[in-house]
Amino acid sequence: MVPTAALVVRAIALADLGEYAESARTADRILAAGPTDAYAQRSAAAILAEARNGQPALNAAWRGVELAPDEPQAHLVLALVAGRLELFDLAERAYREALRLDPELAGARHDPGVLRLERRRWVLALEQVAALAPVQPARAEKLPVWTGLRRLVLVGSGWSLLASLLLAFLSAGGAGASRLVAVLAAAGGGLLAWRLARRVPELSRVVLPVLRREDRPLAFAVYAVPAGPALLLLFALVGSPWPLVAAIAVAVPATLIAATRAGV
């Protein structure tokens, strides 16, 4: 059986040669050989990130942190993977944790010797990713992912909120007209949410899993967007005012979360 360190060196060499597919396959071998090995998980995650394999890299990076939460390199690799996926808020938090565990990490690019080759490589790669960010990570609201999330939640939940209030007013004068309008509002809200969700890079595969781990209130706000049209459609089917009450109860906090969250 080939030692993990040898596979890591091979995968890095392949990536340097531009053989990203073969490098990713070698990283998969590393993951399979060491499912409980923190070194294997974080090394494979960094290699997969270089090969542009977003979700597998993120999964492996999280696994590396879970297996060795006190290892600064585990958090460094998570920062690198998150940065390549434009999850700059997560990248900043992971890098801060890596620096807390190892304050000398910031100077790792100047480390001599082969033993620290990997750490040097990941630090340099993270610096390259950070250079691509148009603003500082703490202002991640201006980056594509977070801008898309803000627009998705504010517009999607705002649509459901206004539609619910309008339907509540119309239903006082007769259920027939309000239920027809509810169908149209649900269809319009669903189409709008779908179009906005498509503009958020890797929303379902990467962003939502990260939010469920790191920011559950914001994850709730995102899930509230499709819940609004569904509740409007339920009102159209049953005619009871309770789906409208539920739609308002979901849309209001979701809108407030998106409007007040500094990281969005």
Protein backbone atom coordinates (compact mmCIF):
# COMPACT_ATOMS: atom_id res chain seq x y z
CA MET A 1 0.00 0.00 0.00
CA VAL A 2 1.41 3.41 -0.99
CA PRO A 3 1.99 5.69 2.04
CA THR A 4 -0.32 8.69 2.30
CA ALA A 5 2.58 11.17 2.21
CA ALA A 6 3.80 9.69 -1.09
CA LEU A 7 0.33 9.98 -2.60
CA VAL A 8 0.13 13.60 -1.47
CA VAL A 9 3.46 14.43 -3.11
CA ARG A 10 2.32 12.68 -6.30
CA ALA A 11 -0.99 14.56 -6.37
CA ILE A 12 0.76 17.89 -5.84
CA ALA A 13 3.22 17.14 -8.63
CA LEU A 14 0.38 16.22 -10.99
CA ALA A 15 -1.43 19.47 -10.16
CA ASP A 16 1.74 21.45 -10.88
CA LEU A 17 1.94 19.72 -14.26
CA GLY A 18 -1.66 20.66 -15.03
CA GLU A 19 -2.88 17.06 -14.78
CA TYR A 20 -5.85 18.04 -12.61
CA ALA A 21 -8.03 15.03 -13.39
CA GLU A 22 -5.29 12.58 -12.40
CA SER A 23 -4.44 14.73 -9.37
CA ALA A 24 -8.08 14.59 -8.26
CA ARG A 25 -8.14 10.80 -8.71
CA THR A 26 -5.05 10.54 -6.53
CA ALA A 27 -6.75 12.73 -3.92
CA ASP A 28 -9.72 10.34 -3.98
CA ARG A 29 -7.29 7.50 -3.23
CA ILE A 30 -5.95 9.51 -0.30
CA LEU A 31 -9.46 10.02 1.06
CA ALA A 32 -10.32 6.35 0.67
CA ALA A 33 -7.09 5.26 2.36
CA GLY A 34 -7.51 7.52 5.38
CA PRO A 35 -11.16 8.21 6.28
CA THR A 36 -10.15 8.83 9.91
CA ASP A 37 -6.75 10.39 9.16
CA ALA A 38 -6.86 14.17 9.59
CA TYR A 39 -3.68 14.63 7.53
CA ALA A 40 -5.13 12.62 4.65
CA GLN A 41 -8.42 14.49 4.72
CA ARG A 42 -6.97 18.00 4.79
CA SER A 43 -4.27 17.21 2.20
CA ALA A 44 -6.81 15.68 -0.16
CA ALA A 45 -9.12 18.65 0.38
CA ALA A 46 -6.43 21.14 -0.62
CA ILE A 47 -5.51 19.06 -3.67
CA LEU A 48 -9.15 18.75 -4.74
CA ALA A 49 -9.55 22.51 -4.35
CA GLU A 50 -6.67 23.04 -6.79
CA ALA A 51 -8.37 20.61 -9.17
CA ARG A 52 -11.61 22.67 -8.91
CA ASN A 53 -13.62 19.88 -7.22
CA GLY A 54 -15.70 22.13 -4.98
CA GLN A 55 -18.05 20.02 -2.89
CA PRO A 56 -15.72 17.00 -2.36
CA ALA A 57 -12.97 19.42 -1.33
CA LEU A 58 -15.26 21.19 1.12
CA ASN A 59 -16.47 17.91 2.60
CA ALA A 60 -12.90 16.69 3.09
CA ALA A 61 -11.82 20.02 4.60
CA TRP A 62 -14.66 19.89 7.13
CA ARG A 63 -13.76 16.29 7.93
CA GLY A 64 -10.15 17.31 8.51
CA VAL A 65 -11.26 19.99 10.97
CA GLU A 66 -13.60 17.59 12.76
CA LEU A 67 -10.82 15.00 13.14
CA ALA A 68 -8.21 17.51 14.33
CA PRO A 69 -9.86 20.72 15.58
CA ASP A 70 -6.61 21.82 17.28
CA GLU A 71 -4.49 21.48 14.13
CA PRO A 72 -3.87 24.90 12.53
CA GLN A 73 -3.27 23.34 9.11
CA ALA A 74 -6.76 21.82 9.14
CA HIS A 75 -8.29 25.31 9.50
CA LEU A 76 -5.81 26.71 6.97
CA VAL A 77 -6.95 24.19 4.36
CA LEU A 78 -10.61 24.91 5.15
CA ALA A 79 -9.86 28.61 4.58
CA LEU A 80 -8.21 27.79 1.26
CA VAL A 81 -11.09 25.62 0.05
CA ALA A 82 -13.71 28.16 1.16
CA GLY A 83 -11.78 30.97 -0.52
CA ARG A 84 -11.65 29.12 -3.84
CA LEU A 85 -15.43 28.66 -3.59
CA GLU A 86 -15.85 32.42 -2.89
CA LEU A 87 -17.16 31.69 0.61
CA PHE A 88 -14.99 34.48 1.94
CA ASP A 89 -16.74 34.89 5.27
CA LEU A 90 -16.07 31.24 6.12
CA ALA A 91 -12.53 31.55 4.75
CA GLU A 92 -11.79 34.50 7.00
CA ARG A 93 -13.11 32.73 10.11
CA ALA A 94 -11.15 29.58 9.34
CA TYR A 95 -7.95 31.55 8.74
CA ARG A 96 -8.39 33.48 11.96
CA GLU A 97 -8.74 30.20 13.83
CA ALA A 98 -5.60 28.85 12.15
CA LEU A 99 -3.68 31.98 13.22
CA ARG A 100 -5.03 31.67 16.76
CA LEU A 101 -3.69 28.13 16.95
CA ASP A 102 -0.39 29.02 15.26
CA PRO A 103 0.49 32.75 15.23
CA GLU A 104 3.59 31.99 13.15
CA LEU A 105 1.44 30.74 10.29
CA ALA A 106 1.35 34.17 8.64
CA GLY A 107 5.07 33.89 7.96
CA ALA A 108 4.91 30.32 6.68
CA ARG A 109 5.61 31.39 3.09
CA HIS A 110 9.22 31.97 4.16
CA ASP A 111 9.62 28.62 5.96
CA PRO A 112 12.69 26.71 4.73
CA GLY A 113 12.95 22.98 4.31
CA VAL A 114 10.95 20.17 2.82
CA LEU A 115 9.06 19.28 5.99
CA ARG A 116 7.01 22.45 5.76
CA LEU A 117 6.53 22.32 2.00
CA GLU A 118 2.81 21.62 2.20
CA ARG A 119 2.12 24.36 4.74
CA ARG A 120 4.06 26.84 2.60
CA ARG A 121 2.10 25.76 -0.46
CA TRP A 122 -1.31 26.16 1.18
CA VAL A 123 -0.43 29.59 2.64
CA LEU A 124 0.76 30.83 -0.75
CA ALA A 125 -2.35 29.43 -2.43
CA LEU A 126 -4.56 31.17 0.11
CA GLU A 127 -2.77 34.46 -0.53
CA GLN A 128 -3.44 34.06 -4.26
CA VAL A 129 -7.13 33.43 -3.58
CA ALA A 130 -7.33 36.43 -1.25
CA ALA A 131 -5.77 38.61 -3.95
CA LEU A 132 -8.73 37.81 -6.22
CA ALA A 133 -11.23 39.17 -3.71
CA PRO A 134 -12.24 42.72 -4.67
CA VAL A 135 -12.77 43.64 -1.00
CA GLN A 136 -11.63 42.38 2.38
CA PRO A 137 -13.23 39.12 3.59
CA ALA A 138 -14.98 40.96 6.42
CA ARG A 139 -16.94 42.85 3.77
CA ALA A 140 -18.05 39.71 2.01
CA GLU A 141 -21.50 41.17 1.34
CA LYS A 142 -20.11 42.74 -1.83
CA LEU A 143 -18.87 39.44 -3.24
CA PRO A 144 -20.94 37.40 -5.71
CA VAL A 145 -22.19 34.67 -3.37
CA TRP A 146 -23.33 37.00 -0.63
CA THR A 147 -24.80 39.55 -2.99
CA GLY A 148 -26.84 36.76 -4.57
CA LEU A 149 -27.98 35.50 -1.16
CA ARG A 150 -29.10 38.96 -0.07
CA ARG A 151 -31.04 39.51 -3.27
CA LEU A 152 -32.59 36.04 -3.10
CA VAL A 153 -33.86 36.44 0.46
CA LEU A 154 -34.90 40.09 0.34
CA VAL A 155 -36.68 39.90 -3.00
CA GLY A 156 -38.07 36.38 -2.58
CA SER A 157 -39.34 36.80 0.97
CA GLY A 158 -40.41 40.39 0.26
CA TRP A 159 -42.59 39.12 -2.60
CA SER A 160 -44.24 36.53 -0.34
CA LEU A 161 -44.78 39.08 2.43
CA LEU A 162 -46.44 41.65 0.17
CA ALA A 163 -48.51 38.99 -1.57
CA SER A 164 -49.70 37.59 1.77
CA LEU A 165 -50.76 41.02 3.02
CA LEU A 166 -52.60 41.73 -0.26
CA LEU A 167 -54.36 38.36 -0.13
CA ALA A 168 -55.38 38.92 3.49
CA PHE A 169 -57.02 42.19 2.40
CA LEU A 170 -58.71 40.61 -0.65
CA SER A 171 -59.99 37.59 1.30
CA ALA A 172 -62.04 39.91 3.50
CA GLY A 173 -64.15 40.73 0.44
CA GLY A 174 -64.52 37.21 -0.94
CA ALA A 175 -62.55 33.99 -1.04
CA GLY A 176 -62.94 33.32 -4.78
CA ALA A 177 -60.95 36.26 -6.13
CA SER A 178 -58.27 36.02 -3.44
CA ARG A 179 -57.66 32.33 -4.14
CA LEU A 180 -57.19 33.02 -7.86
CA VAL A 181 -54.75 35.83 -7.07
CA ALA A 182 -52.95 33.46 -4.68
CA VAL A 183 -52.30 31.00 -7.53
CA LEU A 184 -50.84 33.78 -9.67
CA ALA A 185 -48.77 35.12 -6.76
CA ALA A 186 -47.44 31.65 -5.92
CA ALA A 187 -46.45 31.04 -9.53
CA GLY A 188 -44.79 34.43 -9.84
CA GLY A 189 -42.98 34.05 -6.52
CA GLY A 190 -41.79 30.56 -7.38
CA LEU A 191 -40.46 31.67 -10.77
CA LEU A 192 -38.76 34.69 -9.23
CA ALA A 193 -37.13 32.58 -6.49
CA TRP A 194 -35.92 30.05 -9.08
CA ARG A 195 -34.32 32.73 -11.23
CA LEU A 196 -32.64 34.40 -8.25
CA ALA A 197 -31.39 31.07 -6.85
CA ARG A 198 -29.72 30.27 -10.19
CA ARG A 199 -27.55 33.37 -9.79
CA VAL A 200 -26.04 32.20 -6.49
CA PRO A 201 -22.98 30.06 -7.32
CA GLU A 202 -23.19 26.49 -5.99
CA LEU A 203 -26.22 27.33 -3.82
CA SER A 204 -27.54 23.84 -3.14
CA ARG A 205 -24.28 21.88 -3.30
CA VAL A 206 -21.95 24.20 -1.39
CA VAL A 207 -23.51 27.34 0.10
CA LEU A 208 -26.48 25.76 1.90
CA PRO A 209 -24.42 22.96 3.51
CA VAL A 210 -22.01 25.60 4.81
CA LEU A 211 -24.84 27.76 6.13
CA ARG A 212 -26.42 24.81 7.92
CA ARG A 213 -23.12 24.26 9.72
CA GLU A 214 -22.06 27.86 10.32
CA ASP A 215 -25.11 30.14 10.19
CA ARG A 216 -28.46 28.48 10.83
CA PRO A 217 -30.49 31.72 10.99
CA LEU A 218 -29.30 32.65 7.51
CA ALA A 219 -29.97 29.11 6.32
CA PHE A 220 -33.53 29.50 7.65
CA ALA A 221 -33.87 32.76 5.71
CA VAL A 222 -32.83 31.05 2.47
CA TYR A 223 -35.21 28.12 3.01
CA ALA A 224 -37.99 30.60 3.77
CA VAL A 225 -37.87 31.83 0.17
CA PRO A 226 -39.44 28.70 -1.44
CA ALA A 227 -41.67 28.24 1.60
CA GLY A 228 -43.50 31.49 0.80
CA PRO A 229 -44.93 30.49 -2.61
CA ALA A 230 -45.75 27.03 -1.23
CA LEU A 231 -47.82 28.58 1.56
CA LEU A 232 -49.56 30.91 -0.91
CA LEU A 233 -50.48 27.91 -3.02
CA LEU A 234 -51.76 26.12 0.08
CA PHE A 235 -54.00 29.11 0.80
CA ALA A 236 -55.36 28.91 -2.75
CA LEU A 237 -56.21 25.23 -2.20
CA VAL A 238 -57.79 25.37 1.26
CA GLY A 239 -59.01 28.96 1.55
CA SER A 240 -58.04 29.15 5.23
CA PRO A 241 -56.22 32.29 6.43
CA TRP A 242 -53.68 30.27 8.41
CA PRO A 243 -51.31 29.66 5.46
CA LEU A 244 -51.17 33.45 5.00
CA VAL A 245 -50.37 33.88 8.69
CA ALA A 246 -47.62 31.28 8.35
CA ALA A 247 -46.25 32.94 5.20
CA ILE A 248 -46.03 36.29 6.98
CA ALA A 249 -44.50 34.68 10.07
CA VAL A 250 -41.79 33.12 7.92
CA ALA A 251 -41.14 36.04 5.59
CA VAL A 252 -40.73 38.75 8.22
CA PRO A 253 -37.83 37.20 10.18
CA ALA A 254 -36.20 35.97 6.97
CA THR A 255 -36.22 39.50 5.55
CA LEU A 256 -34.88 40.96 8.78
CA ILE A 257 -32.08 38.40 8.95
CA ALA A 258 -30.94 39.18 5.40
CA ALA A 259 -31.26 42.93 5.91
CA THR A 260 -29.31 43.09 9.17
CA ARG A 261 -26.69 40.37 8.74
CA ALA A 262 -23.26 41.96 8.35
CA GLY A 263 -21.87 38.92 6.56
CA VAL A 264 -24.51 38.99 3.80
